[in-house]
Amino acid sequence: MGSVMNLNDIRVAIDHVIEDAPLLYDLSVTTPPPDLVRQRTQDHFNTSMPDSHGRDFSIHENCKSVIVWNVFSRVAYDYHYKNDFLPKILLYLNYRWGMNGYSFGYDDYVLNRKQFAIRSGSATLAKNSLVFHEKFGLNYKIELILTNCEFEETTIVDGNPHYDNCLGCPAPCVTNCPMNCKMDFELVDWEDCANFVDTPAAFKDLDGICRICQTSCPYSEQLKSNILEVNPNYGTRLNV
């Protein structure tokens, strides 16, 4: 080891695995925050919320980089890309570069995805406590790939920079919330939101799951409209 990889190498590998699937994505890369090495994960945006599965997770000290896989998605629930494509991508990456001493792993969805999207420079914090991607707005999902590789394109953004257009915006993402959740760059009423969205009844109709705080954002919707002009199949539910 010792050489620095290029993020385009990862893109070529992902494209090889997903082949012709209508999957629009963006890659960014950062380093693990020092406070997450050998320490318990925390949600730095909703400080009263427990970590995603009530589990502890420590990033190993050999982890040099976190690749942020931002996948354009305009539906509430679609993890086909995570459950089907991601294991194959990890398998291919380890096969392709394992002989060079590189390894690629997964956190089992424990780490805070928003934190890494911001830290990698691909997103900023929006008023509704979601993160606004520079290309996809609020219409995307985030995955992480942990690796001992180092990259030319590594970006480290400290703090939680806010999305500029949120400042001074009348915030339809907040005023249209059916649960009247308080949102000021932090989802204060996260329990109200979770109790409304994360229910067995809601998941009987995947297209009916609430996304109002996303679809109410005019800046995000404009980005989505631009993408769909290129390919109307982008962002649909892949496993339907």
C-alpha atoms as a PDB file:
ATOM      1  CA  MET A   1       0.000   0.000   0.000  1.00  0.00           C
ATOM      2  CA  GLY A   2       1.005   3.634   0.096  1.00  0.00           C
ATOM      3  CA  SER A   3      -0.441   4.931  -3.178  1.00  0.00           C
ATOM      4  CA  VAL A   4      -3.429   7.268  -3.196  1.00  0.00           C
ATOM      5  CA  MET A   5      -6.510   6.153  -5.102  1.00  0.00           C
ATOM      6  CA  ASN A   6      -8.767   8.202  -7.325  1.00  0.00           C
ATOM      7  CA  LEU A   7     -12.497   8.307  -6.597  1.00  0.00           C
ATOM      8  CA  ASN A   8     -13.186   7.587 -10.251  1.00  0.00           C
ATOM      9  CA  ASP A   9     -11.803   4.080  -9.659  1.00  0.00           C
ATOM     10  CA  ILE A  10     -14.688   3.490  -7.258  1.00  0.00           C
ATOM     11  CA  ARG A  11     -17.175   4.921  -9.749  1.00  0.00           C
ATOM     12  CA  VAL A  12     -15.964   2.543 -12.471  1.00  0.00           C
ATOM     13  CA  ALA A  13     -16.361  -0.371 -10.061  1.00  0.00           C
ATOM     14  CA  ILE A  14     -19.895   0.685  -9.062  1.00  0.00           C
ATOM     15  CA  ASP A  15     -20.900   1.137 -12.710  1.00  0.00           C
ATOM     16  CA  HIS A  16     -19.593  -2.363 -13.434  1.00  0.00           C
ATOM     17  CA  VAL A  17     -21.841  -3.817 -10.728  1.00  0.00           C
ATOM     18  CA  ILE A  18     -25.044  -1.859 -11.375  1.00  0.00           C
ATOM     19  CA  GLU A  19     -24.721  -2.183 -15.170  1.00  0.00           C
ATOM     20  CA  ASP A  20     -27.776  -0.640 -16.851  1.00  0.00           C
ATOM     21  CA  ALA A  21     -29.910   0.006 -13.759  1.00  0.00           C
ATOM     22  CA  PRO A  22     -31.391   3.553 -13.830  1.00  0.00           C
ATOM     23  CA  LEU A  23     -29.356   4.548 -10.798  1.00  0.00           C
ATOM     24  CA  LEU A  24     -28.126   8.138 -10.638  1.00  0.00           C
ATOM     25  CA  TYR A  25     -25.535   8.708  -7.941  1.00  0.00           C
ATOM     26  CA  ASP A  26     -22.716  10.905  -6.779  1.00  0.00           C
ATOM     27  CA  LEU A  27     -19.582  10.014  -4.827  1.00  0.00           C
ATOM     28  CA  SER A  28     -17.688  12.032  -2.266  1.00  0.00           C
ATOM     29  CA  VAL A  29     -15.087  11.000   0.251  1.00  0.00           C
ATOM     30  CA  THR A  30     -13.939  12.174   3.656  1.00  0.00           C
ATOM     31  CA  THR A  31     -12.151  10.897   6.738  1.00  0.00           C
ATOM     32  CA  PRO A  32     -13.685   9.491   9.926  1.00  0.00           C
ATOM     33  CA  PRO A  33     -14.208  12.216  12.534  1.00  0.00           C
ATOM     34  CA  PRO A  34     -11.760  11.668  15.389  1.00  0.00           C
ATOM     35  CA  ASP A  35     -14.583  11.381  17.920  1.00  0.00           C
ATOM     36  CA  LEU A  36     -16.013   8.343  16.080  1.00  0.00           C
ATOM     37  CA  VAL A  37     -12.854   6.279  16.249  1.00  0.00           C
ATOM     38  CA  ARG A  38     -13.272   3.732  19.042  1.00  0.00           C
ATOM     39  CA  GLN A  39     -16.253   5.618  20.396  1.00  0.00           C
ATOM     40  CA  ARG A  40     -20.002   5.184  20.475  1.00  0.00           C
ATOM     41  CA  THR A  41     -21.922   6.602  17.537  1.00  0.00           C
ATOM     42  CA  GLN A  42     -24.201   9.543  18.150  1.00  0.00           C
ATOM     43  CA  ASP A  43     -26.662  11.556  16.116  1.00  0.00           C
ATOM     44  CA  HIS A  44     -25.174  15.037  16.148  1.00  0.00           C
ATOM     45  CA  PHE A  45     -28.259  16.657  14.616  1.00  0.00           C
ATOM     46  CA  ASN A  46     -31.016  15.175  16.800  1.00  0.00           C
ATOM     47  CA  THR A  47     -29.176  15.035  20.082  1.00  0.00           C
ATOM     48  CA  SER A  48     -31.974  13.385  22.058  1.00  0.00           C
ATOM     49  CA  MET A  49     -32.459  10.634  19.477  1.00  0.00           C
ATOM     50  CA  PRO A  50     -30.733   7.289  20.101  1.00  0.00           C
ATOM     51  CA  ASP A  51     -28.450   5.885  17.425  1.00  0.00           C
ATOM     52  CA  SER A  52     -30.246   4.058  14.652  1.00  0.00           C
ATOM     53  CA  HIS A  53     -30.411   0.570  16.142  1.00  0.00           C
ATOM     54  CA  GLY A  54     -29.486   1.193  19.748  1.00  0.00           C
ATOM     55  CA  ARG A  55     -26.096  -0.318  19.045  1.00  0.00           C
ATOM     56  CA  ASP A  56     -22.530   0.715  19.573  1.00  0.00           C
ATOM     57  CA  PHE A  57     -20.188   0.960  16.630  1.00  0.00           C
ATOM     58  CA  SER A  58     -16.542   1.916  16.512  1.00  0.00           C
ATOM     59  CA  ILE A  59     -14.676   2.832  13.356  1.00  0.00           C
ATOM     60  CA  HIS A  60     -11.427   0.898  13.402  1.00  0.00           C
ATOM     61  CA  GLU A  61      -8.289   2.994  13.578  1.00  0.00           C
ATOM     62  CA  ASN A  62      -7.142   1.491  10.250  1.00  0.00           C
ATOM     63  CA  CYS A  63     -10.076   3.153   8.482  1.00  0.00           C
ATOM     64  CA  LYS A  64      -8.589   6.065   6.550  1.00  0.00           C
ATOM     65  CA  SER A  65     -11.550   7.095   4.415  1.00  0.00           C
ATOM     66  CA  VAL A  66     -15.329   7.034   4.290  1.00  0.00           C
ATOM     67  CA  ILE A  67     -16.780   6.965   0.784  1.00  0.00           C
ATOM     68  CA  VAL A  68     -20.198   8.639   0.684  1.00  0.00           C
ATOM     69  CA  TRP A  69     -22.490   7.095  -1.932  1.00  0.00           C
ATOM     70  CA  ASN A  70     -25.331   9.556  -2.577  1.00  0.00           C
ATOM     71  CA  VAL A  71     -28.119   7.893  -4.583  1.00  0.00           C
ATOM     72  CA  PHE A  72     -30.839  10.023  -6.200  1.00  0.00           C
ATOM     73  CA  SER A  73     -34.242   8.812  -5.002  1.00  0.00           C
ATOM     74  CA  ARG A  74     -37.655  10.478  -5.144  1.00  0.00           C
ATOM     75  CA  VAL A  75     -39.552   7.822  -3.203  1.00  0.00           C
ATOM     76  CA  ALA A  76     -39.891   7.415   0.532  1.00  0.00           C
ATOM     77  CA  TYR A  77     -38.742   3.848   0.871  1.00  0.00           C
ATOM     78  CA  ASP A  78     -36.358   2.075  -1.469  1.00  0.00           C
ATOM     79  CA  TYR A  79     -33.314   0.220  -0.197  1.00  0.00           C
ATOM     80  CA  HIS A  80     -32.917  -2.146  -3.120  1.00  0.00           C
ATOM     81  CA  TYR A  81     -29.699  -0.335  -4.004  1.00  0.00           C
ATOM     82  CA  LYS A  82     -28.441  -0.989  -0.442  1.00  0.00           C
ATOM     83  CA  ASN A  83     -29.659  -4.551  -0.009  1.00  0.00           C
ATOM     84  CA  ASP A  84     -28.814  -5.817  -3.484  1.00  0.00           C
ATOM     85  CA  PHE A  85     -26.179  -3.613  -5.110  1.00  0.00           C
ATOM     86  CA  LEU A  86     -24.077  -2.594  -2.116  1.00  0.00           C
ATOM     87  CA  PRO A  87     -23.048  -6.149  -1.036  1.00  0.00           C
ATOM     88  CA  LYS A  88     -22.011  -6.862  -4.637  1.00  0.00           C
ATOM     89  CA  ILE A  89     -20.086  -3.593  -4.803  1.00  0.00           C
ATOM     90  CA  LEU A  90     -18.200  -4.392  -1.601  1.00  0.00           C
ATOM     91  CA  LEU A  91     -17.444  -7.892  -2.852  1.00  0.00           C
ATOM     92  CA  TYR A  92     -16.117  -6.513  -6.142  1.00  0.00           C
ATOM     93  CA  LEU A  93     -14.056  -3.776  -4.483  1.00  0.00           C
ATOM     94  CA  ASN A  94     -12.408  -6.268  -2.138  1.00  0.00           C
ATOM     95  CA  TYR A  95     -11.764  -8.661  -5.012  1.00  0.00           C
ATOM     96  CA  ARG A  96     -10.372  -5.922  -7.230  1.00  0.00           C
ATOM     97  CA  TRP A  97      -8.057  -4.239  -4.701  1.00  0.00           C
ATOM     98  CA  GLY A  98      -7.660  -6.800  -1.921  1.00  0.00           C
ATOM     99  CA  MET A  99      -4.380  -7.996  -3.398  1.00  0.00           C
ATOM    100  CA  ASN A 100      -3.067  -4.452  -2.941  1.00  0.00           C
ATOM    101  CA  GLY A 101      -3.819  -4.593   0.769  1.00  0.00           C
ATOM    102  CA  TYR A 102      -6.974  -2.496   0.552  1.00  0.00           C
ATOM    103  CA  SER A 103     -10.212  -3.500   2.248  1.00  0.00           C
ATOM    104  CA  PHE A 104     -13.759  -2.157   2.035  1.00  0.00           C
ATOM    105  CA  GLY A 105     -16.447  -2.576   4.672  1.00  0.00           C
ATOM    106  CA  TYR A 106     -19.851  -1.486   5.890  1.00  0.00           C
ATOM    107  CA  ASP A 107     -21.229  -0.107   9.162  1.00  0.00           C
ATOM    108  CA  ASP A 108     -24.576  -1.974   8.940  1.00  0.00           C
ATOM    109  CA  TYR A 109     -26.429   1.352   8.831  1.00  0.00           C
ATOM    110  CA  VAL A 110     -25.400   2.433  12.312  1.00  0.00           C
ATOM    111  CA  LEU A 111     -23.424   5.592  11.563  1.00  0.00           C
ATOM    112  CA  ASN A 112     -25.127   8.933  11.008  1.00  0.00           C
ATOM    113  CA  ARG A 113     -25.265   9.361   7.239  1.00  0.00           C
ATOM    114  CA  LYS A 114     -26.010  13.080   7.401  1.00  0.00           C
ATOM    115  CA  GLN A 115     -22.798  13.747   9.272  1.00  0.00           C
ATOM    116  CA  PHE A 116     -20.693  12.190   6.544  1.00  0.00           C
ATOM    117  CA  ALA A 117     -22.564  13.841   3.665  1.00  0.00           C
ATOM    118  CA  ILE A 118     -21.773  17.218   5.236  1.00  0.00           C
ATOM    119  CA  ARG A 119     -18.211  16.331   6.201  1.00  0.00           C
ATOM    120  CA  SER A 120     -17.467  15.175   2.641  1.00  0.00           C
ATOM    121  CA  GLY A 121     -18.612  18.516   1.221  1.00  0.00           C
ATOM    122  CA  SER A 122     -21.457  17.109  -0.872  1.00  0.00           C
ATOM    123  CA  ALA A 123     -24.270  18.467   1.305  1.00  0.00           C
ATOM    124  CA  THR A 124     -25.227  21.149   3.800  1.00  0.00           C
ATOM    125  CA  LEU A 125     -27.735  21.102   6.642  1.00  0.00           C
ATOM    126  CA  ALA A 126     -31.264  22.208   5.716  1.00  0.00           C
ATOM    127  CA  LYS A 127     -33.830  23.825   7.978  1.00  0.00           C
ATOM    128  CA  ASN A 128     -35.884  20.610   8.122  1.00  0.00           C
ATOM    129  CA  SER A 129     -32.822  18.831   9.626  1.00  0.00           C
ATOM    130  CA  LEU A 130     -32.233  16.874   6.416  1.00  0.00           C
ATOM    131  CA  VAL A 131     -29.117  17.477   4.356  1.00  0.00           C
ATOM    132  CA  PHE A 132     -29.338  19.258   1.019  1.00  0.00           C
ATOM    133  CA  HIS A 133     -27.189  17.661  -1.665  1.00  0.00           C
ATOM    134  CA  GLU A 134     -25.657  20.047  -4.166  1.00  0.00           C
ATOM    135  CA  LYS A 135     -26.994  18.019  -7.142  1.00  0.00           C
ATOM    136  CA  PHE A 136     -30.004  16.120  -5.770  1.00  0.00           C
ATOM    137  CA  GLY A 137     -31.454  18.514  -3.213  1.00  0.00           C
ATOM    138  CA  LEU A 138     -33.447  16.530  -0.645  1.00  0.00           C
ATOM    139  CA  ASN A 139     -34.215  13.688  -3.038  1.00  0.00           C
ATOM    140  CA  TYR A 140     -31.540  11.151  -2.275  1.00  0.00           C
ATOM    141  CA  LYS A 141     -30.361   8.469   0.099  1.00  0.00           C
ATOM    142  CA  ILE A 142     -26.931   8.067   1.619  1.00  0.00           C
ATOM    143  CA  GLU A 143     -24.715   5.024   1.980  1.00  0.00           C
ATOM    144  CA  LEU A 144     -21.222   4.690   3.409  1.00  0.00           C
ATOM    145  CA  ILE A 145     -18.261   2.519   2.467  1.00  0.00           C
ATOM    146  CA  LEU A 146     -15.417   2.318   4.982  1.00  0.00           C
ATOM    147  CA  THR A 147     -11.924   1.661   3.698  1.00  0.00           C
ATOM    148  CA  ASN A 148      -8.236   1.832   4.549  1.00  0.00           C
ATOM    149  CA  CYS A 149      -7.604   3.560   1.192  1.00  0.00           C
ATOM    150  CA  GLU A 150      -6.695   7.212   0.917  1.00  0.00           C
ATOM    151  CA  PHE A 151      -8.036   9.383  -1.917  1.00  0.00           C
ATOM    152  CA  GLU A 152      -6.922  12.383  -3.905  1.00  0.00           C
ATOM    153  CA  GLU A 153     -10.388  13.955  -3.588  1.00  0.00           C
ATOM    154  CA  THR A 154     -10.726  13.696   0.194  1.00  0.00           C
ATOM    155  CA  THR A 155     -12.681  16.624   1.643  1.00  0.00           C
ATOM    156  CA  ILE A 156     -13.031  17.495   5.319  1.00  0.00           C
ATOM    157  CA  VAL A 157     -15.686  20.035   6.290  1.00  0.00           C
ATOM    158  CA  ASP A 158     -15.801  20.820   9.991  1.00  0.00           C
ATOM    159  CA  GLY A 159     -19.009  21.960  11.659  1.00  0.00           C
ATOM    160  CA  ASN A 160     -22.520  21.925  10.202  1.00  0.00           C
ATOM    161  CA  PRO A 161     -22.755  24.568   7.451  1.00  0.00           C
ATOM    162  CA  HIS A 162     -26.347  25.496   6.664  1.00  0.00           C
ATOM    163  CA  TYR A 163     -27.879  25.426   3.198  1.00  0.00           C
ATOM    164  CA  ASP A 164     -27.781  29.053   2.063  1.00  0.00           C
ATOM    165  CA  ASN A 165     -31.263  29.156   0.522  1.00  0.00           C
ATOM    166  CA  CYS A 166     -32.815  28.111   3.840  1.00  0.00           C
ATOM    167  CA  LEU A 167     -31.739  31.390   5.370  1.00  0.00           C
ATOM    168  CA  GLY A 168     -34.633  33.801   4.942  1.00  0.00           C
ATOM    169  CA  CYS A 169     -36.853  31.166   3.283  1.00  0.00           C
ATOM    170  CA  PRO A 170     -40.494  31.036   4.503  1.00  0.00           C
ATOM    171  CA  ALA A 171     -39.807  27.318   5.053  1.00  0.00           C
ATOM    172  CA  PRO A 172     -42.753  25.480   3.457  1.00  0.00           C
ATOM    173  CA  CYS A 173     -40.944  22.321   4.569  1.00  0.00           C
ATOM    174  CA  VAL A 174     -41.886  23.308   8.123  1.00  0.00           C
ATOM    175  CA  THR A 175     -45.259  25.009   7.644  1.00  0.00           C
ATOM    176  CA  ASN A 176     -46.606  22.077   5.593  1.00  0.00           C
ATOM    177  CA  CYS A 177     -45.599  19.441   8.131  1.00  0.00           C
ATOM    178  CA  PRO A 178     -48.734  17.420   9.036  1.00  0.00           C
ATOM    179  CA  MET A 179     -47.392  16.925  12.575  1.00  0.00           C
ATOM    180  CA  ASN A 180     -46.396  20.571  13.080  1.00  0.00           C
ATOM    181  CA  CYS A 181     -42.877  19.506  13.958  1.00  0.00           C
ATOM    182  CA  LYS A 182     -40.505  22.202  15.127  1.00  0.00           C
ATOM    183  CA  MET A 183     -37.557  22.359  12.746  1.00  0.00           C
ATOM    184  CA  ASP A 184     -34.762  24.890  12.910  1.00  0.00           C
ATOM    185  CA  PHE A 185     -31.852  22.947  11.420  1.00  0.00           C
ATOM    186  CA  GLU A 186     -32.688  20.285  13.992  1.00  0.00           C
ATOM    187  CA  LEU A 187     -35.742  18.029  14.130  1.00  0.00           C
ATOM    188  CA  VAL A 188     -36.844  18.954  17.643  1.00  0.00           C
ATOM    189  CA  ASP A 189     -40.030  16.860  17.530  1.00  0.00           C
ATOM    190  CA  TRP A 190     -38.399  13.767  16.053  1.00  0.00           C
ATOM    191  CA  GLU A 191     -40.677  11.464  18.053  1.00  0.00           C
ATOM    192  CA  ASP A 192     -43.794  13.016  16.462  1.00  0.00           C
ATOM    193  CA  CYS A 193     -42.258  12.551  13.030  1.00  0.00           C
ATOM    194  CA  ALA A 194     -41.164   8.981  13.729  1.00  0.00           C
ATOM    195  CA  ASN A 195     -44.524   7.984  15.190  1.00  0.00           C
ATOM    196  CA  PHE A 196     -46.239   9.332  12.084  1.00  0.00           C
ATOM    197  CA  VAL A 197     -43.907   7.811   9.498  1.00  0.00           C
ATOM    198  CA  ASP A 198     -42.434   4.650  11.007  1.00  0.00           C
ATOM    199  CA  THR A 199     -45.603   2.630  11.539  1.00  0.00           C
ATOM    200  CA  PRO A 200     -46.740  -0.711  10.081  1.00  0.00           C
ATOM    201  CA  ALA A 201     -49.781   1.031   8.597  1.00  0.00           C
ATOM    202  CA  ALA A 202     -47.610   3.547   6.747  1.00  0.00           C
ATOM    203  CA  PHE A 203     -45.489   0.818   5.179  1.00  0.00           C
ATOM    204  CA  LYS A 204     -48.555  -0.853   3.655  1.00  0.00           C
ATOM    205  CA  ASP A 205     -48.559   2.001   1.145  1.00  0.00           C
ATOM    206  CA  LEU A 206     -44.949   2.864   0.332  1.00  0.00           C
ATOM    207  CA  ASP A 207     -45.946   5.652  -2.046  1.00  0.00           C
ATOM    208  CA  GLY A 208     -48.039   7.218   0.694  1.00  0.00           C
ATOM    209  CA  ILE A 209     -45.237   7.570   3.231  1.00  0.00           C
ATOM    210  CA  CYS A 210     -44.843  11.218   4.169  1.00  0.00           C
ATOM    211  CA  ARG A 211     -42.167  13.179   2.300  1.00  0.00           C
ATOM    212  CA  ILE A 212     -43.792  16.587   2.635  1.00  0.00           C
ATOM    213  CA  CYS A 213     -40.756  18.282   4.145  1.00  0.00           C
ATOM    214  CA  GLN A 214     -38.811  17.163   1.071  1.00  0.00           C
ATOM    215  CA  THR A 215     -41.341  17.825  -1.686  1.00  0.00           C
ATOM    216  CA  SER A 216     -42.242  21.246  -0.250  1.00  0.00           C
ATOM    217  CA  CYS A 217     -38.764  22.611  -0.901  1.00  0.00           C
ATOM    218  CA  PRO A 218     -38.812  24.628  -4.159  1.00  0.00           C
ATOM    219  CA  TYR A 219     -35.032  24.459  -4.565  1.00  0.00           C
ATOM    220  CA  SER A 220     -34.964  20.693  -4.205  1.00  0.00           C
ATOM    221  CA  GLU A 221     -37.935  20.220  -6.515  1.00  0.00           C
ATOM    222  CA  GLN A 222     -36.268  22.298  -9.223  1.00  0.00           C
ATOM    223  CA  LEU A 223     -33.189  20.083  -9.089  1.00  0.00           C
ATOM    224  CA  LYS A 224     -35.429  17.020  -9.300  1.00  0.00           C
ATOM    225  CA  SER A 225     -37.268  18.443 -12.302  1.00  0.00           C
ATOM    226  CA  ASN A 226     -33.964  19.081 -14.086  1.00  0.00           C
ATOM    227  CA  ILE A 227     -32.852  15.484 -13.479  1.00  0.00           C
ATOM    228  CA  LEU A 228     -36.118  13.970 -14.710  1.00  0.00           C
ATOM    229  CA  GLU A 229     -35.834  15.916 -17.940  1.00  0.00           C
ATOM    230  CA  VAL A 230     -32.679  13.905 -18.596  1.00  0.00           C
ATOM    231  CA  ASN A 231     -34.204  10.543 -17.637  1.00  0.00           C
ATOM    232  CA  PRO A 232     -37.724  10.184 -16.172  1.00  0.00           C
ATOM    233  CA  ASN A 233     -36.787   6.771 -14.765  1.00  0.00           C
ATOM    234  CA  TYR A 234     -34.200   8.150 -12.382  1.00  0.00           C
ATOM    235  CA  GLY A 235     -35.142   7.956  -8.725  1.00  0.00           C
ATOM    236  CA  THR A 236     -37.980   5.449  -9.035  1.00  0.00           C
ATOM    237  CA  ARG A 237     -38.332   2.461  -6.714  1.00  0.00           C
ATOM    238  CA  LEU A 238     -35.958  -0.111  -8.179  1.00  0.00           C
ATOM    239  CA  ASN A 239     -37.549  -3.232  -6.745  1.00  0.00           C
ATOM    240  CA  VAL A 240     -41.026  -2.663  -8.208  1.00  0.00           C
END
